[in-house]
Amino acid sequence: MELVDLLAHAAPLPSSPRVLALLLTELKQLQPDLRRIDQFVKADPVLCLRVLQAANAPAFGLDGQVNSIAQALALLRLEQLHDMVSQALGQTSFKGGTGLPLMQFWVYSQDCARVARALAGLLQQNQQAAYVAGLIHALGELVMRANLPQALSLDASCPPLDLRRARCERQLLGFCYNELSSVIASQAQLPQILCDALAYAHAPLDNDAYEPLAAVLHLAQWRARANQLGLYDNALTVTFPSLVAEVLGLDIDMVLQQDPIDWSRQVLGSELVKHSK
């Protein structure tokens, strides 16, 4: 199957209704807090993608150069962001089976983004680009679940956040969620470094033109999925992608020390909980 054809017939991806509601409330303030707006956008993979897509549009003359939310928000008018949020509010429904609840998907995506950013910091790579890559890397999974029954059929033998998921998808479908996410990013005119990182994140050492950010994302996925699966001790050691880590000059302890919990954002988390009551 051509991935472009799959995306052409796919329904719009959902954003978190709570994040959208909080962001819309902030945008209606007389003096919206740009720091809070930045935090809200960084909490939602689909909104992050749309904001970056708008900032990389030809109108700004920066096609394929904007790779962070901060850069994007500096370019966009608040009215544009308001329109995006309003449109997204009408696209929050999702039919992708029961194996991957959206709340779990959003938590996992944020976990992966934070670990990717932390690892990029250790390696003196672009932390903001790493965060974006981590946040949007699994959007392809949502597309597959909503449009390919075969993807749902995998859940019984290989759950959506299983460490083997990419390999199982490639065996069954010929591509995996990372590769589909790369096409999504490419269609949104995101920077090539992000598209390449997504395309090769499932096997970063197999790419002839080695992209360090793909290796960072590979390790971040392992860390975030291990966290979701509740792995510890021997299970962590056995599943650790040591060859990828070795290329980056990292070991398992260094990767595990990257806490997926961002304690600086607990205020945002408390607001989300309060808003859901």
Protein backbone atom coordinates (compact mmCIF):
# COMPACT_ATOMS: atom_id res chain seq x y z
CA MET A 1 0.00 0.00 0.00
CA GLU A 2 1.20 3.50 -0.84
CA LEU A 3 1.41 5.51 2.37
CA VAL A 4 0.39 8.69 0.58
CA ASP A 5 -2.82 6.98 -0.57
CA LEU A 6 -3.54 5.82 2.97
CA LEU A 7 -3.20 9.36 4.30
CA ALA A 8 -5.32 10.78 1.48
CA HIS A 9 -8.33 8.81 2.72
CA ALA A 10 -7.66 9.11 6.46
CA ALA A 11 -9.97 11.06 8.76
CA PRO A 12 -8.51 14.02 10.71
CA LEU A 13 -6.51 12.99 13.75
CA PRO A 14 -7.89 13.92 17.19
CA SER A 15 -6.52 16.38 19.70
CA SER A 16 -7.11 16.27 23.44
CA PRO A 17 -10.40 18.10 24.19
CA ARG A 18 -9.05 19.19 27.56
CA VAL A 19 -5.89 20.68 26.10
CA LEU A 20 -7.93 22.45 23.43
CA ALA A 21 -10.36 23.86 26.00
CA LEU A 22 -7.56 25.15 28.22
CA LEU A 23 -5.73 26.65 25.26
CA LEU A 24 -8.89 28.33 23.97
CA THR A 25 -9.50 29.82 27.41
CA GLU A 26 -5.97 31.20 27.50
CA LEU A 27 -6.28 32.66 24.00
CA LYS A 28 -9.42 34.54 25.07
CA GLN A 29 -7.56 36.39 27.82
CA LEU A 30 -6.86 40.09 27.31
CA GLN A 31 -3.15 39.30 27.55
CA PRO A 32 -2.59 35.62 26.76
CA ASP A 33 0.43 34.08 28.47
CA LEU A 34 2.74 32.86 25.69
CA ARG A 35 4.55 30.50 28.08
CA ARG A 36 1.29 28.74 28.93
CA ILE A 37 0.30 28.63 25.26
CA ASP A 38 3.65 27.00 24.49
CA GLN A 39 3.06 24.40 27.21
CA PHE A 40 -0.43 23.56 26.00
CA VAL A 41 0.68 23.11 22.38
CA LYS A 42 3.54 20.88 23.54
CA ALA A 43 1.02 18.66 25.31
CA ASP A 44 -0.80 17.60 22.13
CA PRO A 45 0.85 15.77 19.20
CA VAL A 46 -1.71 16.72 16.56
CA LEU A 47 -1.83 20.39 17.54
CA CYS A 48 1.97 20.47 17.58
CA LEU A 49 2.00 19.10 14.03
CA ARG A 50 -0.55 21.66 12.80
CA VAL A 51 1.27 24.59 14.40
CA LEU A 52 4.56 23.54 12.82
CA GLN A 53 2.83 22.97 9.49
CA ALA A 54 1.47 26.52 9.55
CA ALA A 55 4.86 27.99 10.49
CA ASN A 56 6.61 26.11 7.68
CA ALA A 57 4.14 27.33 5.06
CA PRO A 58 5.58 29.27 2.09
CA ALA A 59 4.01 32.51 3.35
CA PHE A 60 6.71 32.87 6.01
CA GLY A 61 9.58 32.05 3.67
CA LEU A 62 10.95 29.45 6.08
CA ASP A 63 9.79 26.29 4.33
CA GLY A 64 11.14 23.27 6.15
CA GLN A 65 13.21 25.27 8.65
CA VAL A 66 10.97 25.67 11.72
CA ASN A 67 11.46 22.67 14.02
CA SER A 68 10.29 23.91 17.42
CA ILE A 69 7.03 25.10 18.92
CA ALA A 70 8.69 28.25 20.27
CA GLN A 71 9.86 29.20 16.77
CA ALA A 72 6.44 28.49 15.31
CA LEU A 73 4.55 30.54 17.89
CA ALA A 74 6.87 33.48 17.28
CA LEU A 75 5.74 33.48 13.65
CA LEU A 76 2.02 32.82 13.98
CA ARG A 77 -0.61 35.34 15.00
CA LEU A 78 -2.74 34.40 17.98
CA GLU A 79 -5.78 34.66 15.71
CA GLN A 80 -4.33 31.90 13.53
CA LEU A 81 -3.79 29.70 16.55
CA HIS A 82 -7.33 30.42 17.74
CA ASP A 83 -8.69 29.29 14.37
CA MET A 84 -6.64 26.07 14.54
CA VAL A 85 -7.95 25.27 18.00
CA SER A 86 -11.55 25.99 17.00
CA GLN A 87 -11.22 23.68 14.00
CA ALA A 88 -9.58 20.96 16.11
CA LEU A 89 -12.47 21.05 18.59
CA GLY A 90 -14.68 19.61 15.87
CA GLN A 91 -12.25 16.75 15.21
CA THR A 92 -11.90 15.09 18.60
CA SER A 93 -13.76 11.85 17.84
CA PHE A 94 -11.69 8.81 16.97
CA LYS A 95 -12.47 5.23 15.98
CA GLY A 96 -9.32 3.22 16.46
CA GLY A 97 -10.33 0.22 18.49
CA THR A 98 -9.99 -0.30 22.22
CA GLY A 99 -6.37 -1.43 22.40
CA LEU A 100 -4.88 2.06 22.69
CA PRO A 101 -6.96 4.60 24.65
CA LEU A 102 -6.28 8.14 23.50
CA MET A 103 -5.36 9.27 27.00
CA GLN A 104 -2.67 6.59 27.17
CA PHE A 105 -1.46 7.59 23.71
CA TRP A 106 -1.11 11.23 24.75
CA VAL A 107 0.70 10.37 27.98
CA TYR A 108 3.06 8.03 26.14
CA SER A 109 3.78 10.60 23.43
CA GLN A 110 4.66 13.25 26.01
CA ASP A 111 6.86 10.76 27.88
CA CYS A 112 8.75 9.98 24.69
CA ALA A 113 9.12 13.66 23.83
CA ARG A 114 10.59 14.52 27.23
CA VAL A 115 13.05 11.63 27.17
CA ALA A 116 14.10 12.51 23.61
CA ARG A 117 14.71 16.11 24.67
CA ALA A 118 16.76 15.02 27.68
CA LEU A 119 18.88 12.62 25.63
CA ALA A 120 19.45 15.28 22.98
CA GLY A 121 20.67 17.58 25.74
CA LEU A 122 23.20 14.99 26.88
CA LEU A 123 24.47 14.68 23.32
CA GLN A 124 24.41 18.41 22.54
CA GLN A 125 21.84 17.91 19.81
CA ASN A 126 18.80 20.07 19.07
CA GLN A 127 16.59 19.52 22.10
CA GLN A 128 13.52 21.25 20.68
CA ALA A 129 13.61 19.21 17.47
CA ALA A 130 14.05 16.07 19.56
CA TYR A 131 10.99 16.97 21.64
CA VAL A 132 8.87 17.46 18.53
CA ALA A 133 10.08 14.18 17.04
CA GLY A 134 9.20 12.35 20.23
CA LEU A 135 5.80 13.99 20.49
CA ILE A 136 4.61 13.23 16.95
CA HIS A 137 6.48 9.97 16.25
CA ALA A 138 3.45 7.72 16.84
CA LEU A 139 0.81 9.68 14.93
CA GLY A 140 1.11 7.04 12.24
CA GLU A 141 -0.16 4.49 14.75
CA LEU A 142 -3.43 6.40 15.11
CA VAL A 143 -3.85 6.58 11.33
CA MET A 144 -3.24 2.85 11.01
CA ARG A 145 -5.66 1.98 13.79
CA ALA A 146 -8.42 4.09 12.28
CA ASN A 147 -7.96 2.94 8.69
CA LEU A 148 -6.33 -0.51 8.62
CA PRO A 149 -8.17 -3.40 10.31
CA GLN A 150 -4.97 -5.44 9.95
CA ALA A 151 -3.26 -3.10 12.39
CA LEU A 152 -5.92 -3.75 15.00
CA SER A 153 -5.57 -7.48 14.46
CA LEU A 154 -2.00 -7.26 15.75
CA ASP A 155 -3.12 -6.17 19.20
CA ALA A 156 -3.77 -9.70 20.44
CA SER A 157 -0.21 -10.86 19.83
CA CYS A 158 1.62 -7.53 19.97
CA PRO A 159 -0.10 -4.67 21.87
CA PRO A 160 0.18 -1.13 20.46
CA LEU A 161 2.94 -0.01 22.83
CA ASP A 162 4.85 -3.28 22.80
CA LEU A 163 8.57 -2.93 22.11
CA ARG A 164 8.14 -5.27 19.11
CA ARG A 165 5.31 -3.29 17.53
CA ALA A 166 7.28 -1.63 14.73
CA ARG A 167 8.83 -4.95 13.69
CA CYS A 168 5.46 -6.73 13.73
CA GLU A 169 3.84 -4.00 11.67
CA ARG A 170 6.60 -4.14 9.07
CA GLN A 171 6.26 -7.91 8.83
CA LEU A 172 2.49 -7.67 8.34
CA LEU A 173 2.08 -4.44 6.38
CA GLY A 174 5.50 -3.64 4.96
CA PHE A 175 5.79 -0.43 6.98
CA CYS A 176 5.47 0.72 10.58
CA TYR A 177 3.99 3.65 12.47
CA ASN A 178 7.32 5.54 12.47
CA GLU A 179 7.53 5.45 8.69
CA LEU A 180 3.93 6.59 8.31
CA SER A 181 4.56 9.41 10.79
CA SER A 182 7.49 10.48 8.62
CA VAL A 183 5.20 10.80 5.60
CA ILE A 184 2.74 12.79 7.72
CA ALA A 185 5.56 15.13 8.73
CA SER A 186 6.75 15.44 5.14
CA GLN A 187 3.28 16.34 3.90
CA ALA A 188 3.14 19.00 6.63
CA GLN A 189 6.40 20.45 5.24
CA LEU A 190 8.30 19.86 8.47
CA PRO A 191 12.13 20.06 8.39
CA GLN A 192 13.93 17.16 6.74
CA ILE A 193 15.81 16.35 9.95
CA LEU A 194 12.47 15.53 11.61
CA CYS A 195 11.21 13.52 8.65
CA ASP A 196 14.43 11.49 8.55
CA ALA A 197 14.44 10.91 12.30
CA LEU A 198 10.90 9.55 12.12
CA ALA A 199 11.55 7.45 9.01
CA TYR A 200 14.50 5.59 10.54
CA ALA A 201 13.65 5.61 14.24
CA HIS A 202 12.64 1.94 14.17
CA ALA A 203 16.12 0.93 12.90
CA PRO A 204 18.48 3.93 13.01
CA LEU A 205 21.60 1.92 12.20
CA ASP A 206 20.13 0.52 8.98
CA ASN A 207 20.08 3.90 7.26
CA ASP A 208 23.06 4.57 4.99
CA ALA A 209 23.01 8.27 5.92
CA TYR A 210 23.10 7.88 9.71
CA GLU A 211 20.88 10.44 11.48
CA PRO A 212 21.72 10.84 15.21
CA LEU A 213 18.23 12.16 15.98
CA ALA A 214 16.77 8.86 14.74
CA ALA A 215 18.94 7.02 17.26
CA VAL A 216 17.88 9.41 20.03
CA LEU A 217 14.24 8.81 19.13
CA HIS A 218 14.80 5.04 19.08
CA LEU A 219 16.12 5.13 22.65
CA ALA A 220 13.38 7.51 23.78
CA GLN A 221 10.72 5.15 22.43
CA TRP A 222 12.29 2.26 24.31
CA ARG A 223 12.37 4.26 27.55
CA ALA A 224 8.80 5.52 27.23
CA ARG A 225 7.40 2.12 26.23
CA ALA A 226 9.27 0.37 29.00
CA ASN A 227 7.70 2.87 31.37
CA GLN A 228 4.20 2.18 29.99
CA LEU A 229 4.77 -1.59 30.18
CA GLY A 230 6.09 -1.41 33.73
CA LEU A 231 9.37 -3.13 32.87
CA TYR A 232 12.12 -3.25 35.47
CA ASP A 233 15.42 -4.94 36.37
CA ASN A 234 16.20 -7.85 34.03
CA ALA A 235 13.43 -6.98 31.56
CA LEU A 236 15.02 -3.56 31.03
CA THR A 237 18.48 -5.03 30.55
CA VAL A 238 17.33 -7.68 28.09
CA THR A 239 15.33 -5.29 25.91
CA PHE A 240 17.75 -2.34 25.99
CA PRO A 241 18.90 -1.35 22.45
CA SER A 242 22.57 -1.47 23.40
CA LEU A 243 23.99 -1.20 19.87
CA VAL A 244 22.12 2.04 19.20
CA ALA A 245 23.13 3.42 22.58
CA GLU A 246 26.77 2.48 22.00
CA VAL A 247 26.86 4.46 18.77
CA LEU A 248 25.68 7.51 20.71
CA GLY A 249 28.14 6.90 23.53
CA LEU A 250 25.41 6.08 26.05
CA ASP A 251 24.72 3.16 28.35
CA ILE A 252 21.56 1.84 29.97
CA ASP A 253 22.05 3.78 33.20
CA MET A 254 22.39 7.07 31.35
CA VAL A 255 19.18 6.43 29.42
CA LEU A 256 17.22 5.28 32.46
CA GLN A 257 18.22 8.40 34.35
CA GLN A 258 16.20 10.49 31.90
CA ASP A 259 12.97 10.78 33.86
CA PRO A 260 9.93 10.98 31.54
CA ILE A 261 8.16 13.09 34.18
CA ASP A 262 8.71 16.81 33.59
CA TRP A 263 8.33 18.22 37.10
CA SER A 264 8.36 21.80 35.79
CA ARG A 265 5.01 21.15 34.12
CA GLN A 266 3.03 19.84 37.06
CA VAL A 267 0.95 23.02 37.07
CA LEU A 268 -0.27 22.15 33.59
CA GLY A 269 -1.02 18.61 34.70
CA SER A 270 -3.04 19.79 37.69
CA GLU A 271 -5.07 22.07 35.42
CA LEU A 272 -5.85 19.18 33.08
CA VAL A 273 -7.06 17.06 35.99
CA LYS A 274 -9.12 19.90 37.43
CA HIS A 275 -10.67 20.62 34.04
CA SER A 276 -11.74 16.98 33.65
CA LYS A 277 -13.78 16.99 36.85
